[in-house]
Amino acid sequence: MADTKGFRLSGTESFEAAVSSLFGSLRVTDPGPPAFQAVVDHVAIGSAIVARIQAAAATVTRDIQCITSTDVEWMHLTLHRRGPVAVTQDNRTTARKPGELFACDNTRPYRIIGAEPSDMTVLCVPRASLGKRADCMGRRTALPISAQDGIGRLLGCALSGMDEDLPRRGVARTYLRRAPALATRPWQAHPTACRALS
């Protein structure tokens, strides 16, 4: 069963709150463009979350200060769709190109740097549900996962299909812009984001 939640916020602080509510606490910085914009479509399917993120240039960081013992332990499997990004985790920094898959483990620090606008679809899977495979995947963080064969091909096809379906299936859509604060109604739709900004 799919569970959708919606909220509408503004600015990089709001983007930080939105992605933190989905993926675990993160810090978001941007290079200072006059109008930061992002759109986040997301849906919960059982214990997993699928999110499509289209954002202006930004750096997303999950550092040691963000990680707590109460966090949900996720493995993030990402299909990178547009724009160059650099991914750093476990002393590895790699440049990812559109069409590539990669993984990040939220139990350890990571950083994703988008120097240009980017578009990606992220499947968040609880680490516990992956069993022994979680450790195997954890050893390959930030490295490309082949989308040409095996599980990578299946995952790539599934996430590509999700990209097409997310906006049409009533999935929550969050629009973010550096602009004056919106009315208080959106805060009621997502109290976690409101607390994150307080």
Protein backbone atom coordinates (compact mmCIF):
# COMPACT_ATOMS: atom_id res chain seq x y z
CA MET A 1 0.00 0.00 0.00
CA ALA A 2 1.33 3.44 -0.91
CA ASP A 3 1.28 6.25 1.64
CA THR A 4 1.68 9.80 0.34
CA LYS A 5 2.32 12.97 2.29
CA GLY A 6 2.35 16.48 0.93
CA PHE A 7 3.80 19.79 1.94
CA ARG A 8 4.76 23.02 0.25
CA LEU A 9 7.72 25.03 1.57
CA SER A 10 10.19 27.65 0.36
CA GLY A 11 13.99 28.14 0.17
CA THR A 12 17.05 26.01 0.82
CA GLU A 13 16.14 25.66 4.50
CA SER A 14 12.81 24.19 3.43
CA PHE A 15 14.54 21.87 0.96
CA GLU A 16 16.80 20.74 3.80
CA ALA A 17 13.76 20.06 6.00
CA ALA A 18 11.93 18.20 3.21
CA VAL A 19 14.82 15.91 2.24
CA SER A 20 15.76 15.38 5.90
CA SER A 21 12.23 14.17 6.62
CA LEU A 22 12.62 11.60 3.83
CA PHE A 23 16.26 10.50 4.09
CA GLY A 24 17.45 11.35 7.62
CA SER A 25 18.98 14.61 8.85
CA LEU A 26 20.97 16.43 6.15
CA ARG A 27 22.48 19.86 5.60
CA VAL A 28 21.88 21.65 2.29
CA THR A 29 23.93 24.57 0.98
CA ASP A 30 23.77 26.26 -2.38
CA PRO A 31 26.32 28.37 -4.23
CA GLY A 32 24.13 31.45 -3.82
CA PRO A 33 22.06 31.73 -7.00
CA PRO A 34 19.40 34.44 -6.90
CA ALA A 35 16.52 31.95 -6.85
CA PHE A 36 17.04 28.42 -5.53
CA GLN A 37 14.31 26.08 -6.77
CA ALA A 38 13.53 22.42 -6.23
CA VAL A 39 10.68 19.99 -6.69
CA VAL A 40 10.40 16.80 -4.63
CA ASP A 41 7.89 14.09 -5.55
CA HIS A 42 7.72 11.21 -3.10
CA VAL A 43 5.72 8.20 -2.02
CA ALA A 44 6.08 5.62 0.74
CA ILE A 45 5.52 2.05 -0.43
CA GLY A 46 5.47 -0.22 2.58
CA SER A 47 8.70 0.43 4.48
CA ALA A 48 10.46 1.94 1.43
CA ILE A 49 10.36 5.48 0.07
CA VAL A 50 10.73 6.54 -3.54
CA ALA A 51 11.54 10.19 -4.19
CA ARG A 52 12.28 12.14 -7.35
CA ILE A 53 14.30 15.27 -6.67
CA GLN A 54 14.82 18.02 -9.24
CA ALA A 55 16.91 20.82 -7.78
CA ALA A 56 19.11 23.78 -8.60
CA ALA A 57 22.83 23.47 -7.87
CA ALA A 58 23.37 22.49 -4.23
CA THR A 59 25.49 20.43 -1.86
CA VAL A 60 23.76 17.87 0.34
CA THR A 61 25.78 16.69 3.34
CA ARG A 62 25.11 14.05 5.95
CA ASP A 63 27.94 14.46 8.41
CA ILE A 64 28.66 12.96 11.81
CA GLN A 65 26.67 15.75 13.52
CA CYS A 66 23.56 14.73 11.54
CA ILE A 67 23.70 11.04 12.46
CA THR A 68 21.87 9.95 15.62
CA SER A 69 21.08 6.60 17.22
CA THR A 70 17.35 7.17 16.60
CA ASP A 71 17.67 7.55 12.79
CA VAL A 72 16.06 5.06 10.45
CA GLU A 73 18.98 3.19 8.87
CA TRP A 74 18.50 3.55 5.10
CA MET A 75 20.36 2.40 2.04
CA HIS A 76 19.77 4.98 -0.71
CA LEU A 77 19.82 3.58 -4.24
CA THR A 78 19.90 6.48 -6.67
CA LEU A 79 19.26 6.73 -10.40
CA HIS A 80 21.00 9.90 -11.52
CA ARG A 81 19.00 11.49 -14.37
CA ARG A 82 20.48 14.93 -15.19
CA GLY A 83 23.43 17.16 -14.39
CA PRO A 84 26.90 16.20 -13.17
CA VAL A 85 27.24 15.29 -9.49
CA ALA A 86 30.13 14.30 -7.26
CA VAL A 87 29.41 11.72 -4.57
CA THR A 88 31.65 11.20 -1.54
CA GLN A 89 31.38 8.41 1.02
CA ASP A 90 33.91 6.16 2.77
CA ASN A 91 36.94 8.12 1.52
CA ARG A 92 35.78 7.71 -2.08
CA THR A 93 34.79 10.61 -4.31
CA THR A 94 33.37 9.77 -7.70
CA ALA A 95 31.79 11.77 -10.51
CA ARG A 96 28.41 10.38 -11.50
CA LYS A 97 26.90 10.93 -14.93
CA PRO A 98 23.25 10.85 -16.01
CA GLY A 99 21.95 7.32 -16.41
CA GLU A 100 24.17 5.88 -13.66
CA LEU A 101 23.06 4.21 -10.45
CA PHE A 102 24.88 4.61 -7.13
CA ALA A 103 24.30 3.85 -3.46
CA CYS A 104 24.76 5.81 -0.24
CA ASP A 105 24.49 4.38 3.27
CA ASN A 106 22.94 6.86 5.71
CA THR A 107 24.58 5.19 8.72
CA ARG A 108 27.84 6.91 7.67
CA PRO A 109 28.66 10.44 6.48
CA TYR A 110 28.25 11.26 2.79
CA ARG A 111 28.14 14.29 0.51
CA ILE A 112 26.49 14.86 -2.88
CA ILE A 113 27.58 17.96 -4.80
CA GLY A 114 25.49 19.13 -7.73
CA ALA A 115 27.38 21.94 -9.47
CA GLU A 116 24.48 22.36 -11.91
CA PRO A 117 20.75 21.65 -11.73
CA SER A 118 20.18 17.92 -11.23
CA ASP A 119 17.43 15.35 -11.36
CA MET A 120 17.53 12.02 -9.55
CA THR A 121 15.24 9.30 -8.29
CA VAL A 122 16.09 7.74 -4.93
CA LEU A 123 14.83 4.45 -3.54
CA CYS A 124 15.29 4.39 0.24
CA VAL A 125 15.31 0.85 1.58
CA PRO A 126 15.67 0.01 5.28
CA ARG A 127 19.12 -1.55 5.76
CA ALA A 128 17.60 -4.32 7.88
CA SER A 129 15.42 -5.47 4.98
CA LEU A 130 18.53 -6.08 2.85
CA GLY A 131 20.05 -8.58 5.29
CA LYS A 132 23.64 -9.53 4.43
CA ARG A 133 23.41 -7.60 1.16
CA ALA A 134 23.39 -4.32 3.11
CA ASP A 135 27.04 -4.80 4.11
CA CYS A 136 28.00 -5.78 0.56
CA MET A 137 26.29 -2.68 -0.83
CA GLY A 138 27.78 -0.60 1.97
CA ARG A 139 31.27 -1.48 0.71
CA ARG A 140 30.40 -0.04 -2.73
CA THR A 141 28.97 3.32 -1.72
CA ALA A 142 29.49 6.19 -4.18
CA LEU A 143 30.66 3.73 -6.85
CA PRO A 144 28.62 3.16 -10.00
CA ILE A 145 26.22 0.22 -10.08
CA SER A 146 25.91 -1.19 -13.58
CA ALA A 147 22.47 -0.54 -15.07
CA GLN A 148 23.24 -2.88 -17.97
CA ASP A 149 22.68 -6.24 -16.28
CA GLY A 150 21.50 -8.04 -13.17
CA ILE A 151 19.87 -6.21 -10.32
CA GLY A 152 21.19 -2.86 -11.57
CA ARG A 153 19.25 -3.23 -14.81
CA LEU A 154 16.09 -4.16 -12.94
CA LEU A 155 16.54 -1.27 -10.51
CA GLY A 156 17.27 1.21 -13.32
CA CYS A 157 14.14 0.16 -15.22
CA ALA A 158 11.99 0.31 -12.08
CA LEU A 159 13.23 3.76 -11.05
CA SER A 160 12.85 5.08 -14.60
CA GLY A 161 9.26 3.84 -14.58
CA MET A 162 8.64 5.43 -11.20
CA ASP A 163 9.86 8.75 -12.59
CA GLU A 164 7.10 8.62 -15.17
CA ASP A 165 4.40 7.56 -12.70
CA LEU A 166 5.16 9.68 -9.64
CA PRO A 167 3.59 12.98 -10.73
CA ARG A 168 0.46 11.34 -12.17
CA ARG A 169 -0.45 9.10 -9.25
CA GLY A 170 -1.34 11.74 -6.70
CA VAL A 171 2.07 11.54 -5.11
CA ALA A 172 3.07 14.35 -2.78
CA ARG A 173 4.82 17.17 -4.60
CA THR A 174 6.87 19.78 -2.81
CA TYR A 175 7.85 22.98 -4.59
CA LEU A 176 10.71 24.96 -3.09
CA ARG A 177 11.77 28.47 -3.99
CA ARG A 178 13.78 31.15 -2.27
CA ALA A 179 10.83 33.45 -1.68
CA PRO A 180 8.81 34.96 1.16
CA ALA A 181 7.43 32.37 3.56
CA LEU A 182 4.16 30.77 2.52
CA ALA A 183 0.99 30.81 4.57
CA THR A 184 0.91 28.63 7.69
CA ARG A 185 -1.38 26.00 6.14
CA PRO A 186 1.50 23.98 4.59
CA TRP A 187 3.19 23.62 8.00
CA GLN A 188 0.13 21.78 9.24
CA ALA A 189 0.51 19.28 6.40
CA HIS A 190 4.01 18.33 7.53
CA PRO A 191 4.75 19.17 11.18
CA THR A 192 8.19 17.50 11.08
CA ALA A 193 9.39 20.01 8.49
CA CYS A 194 8.00 22.82 10.60
CA ARG A 195 9.95 21.66 13.66
CA ALA A 196 13.10 21.28 11.58
CA LEU A 197 12.88 24.94 10.59
CA SER A 198 12.10 26.27 14.08
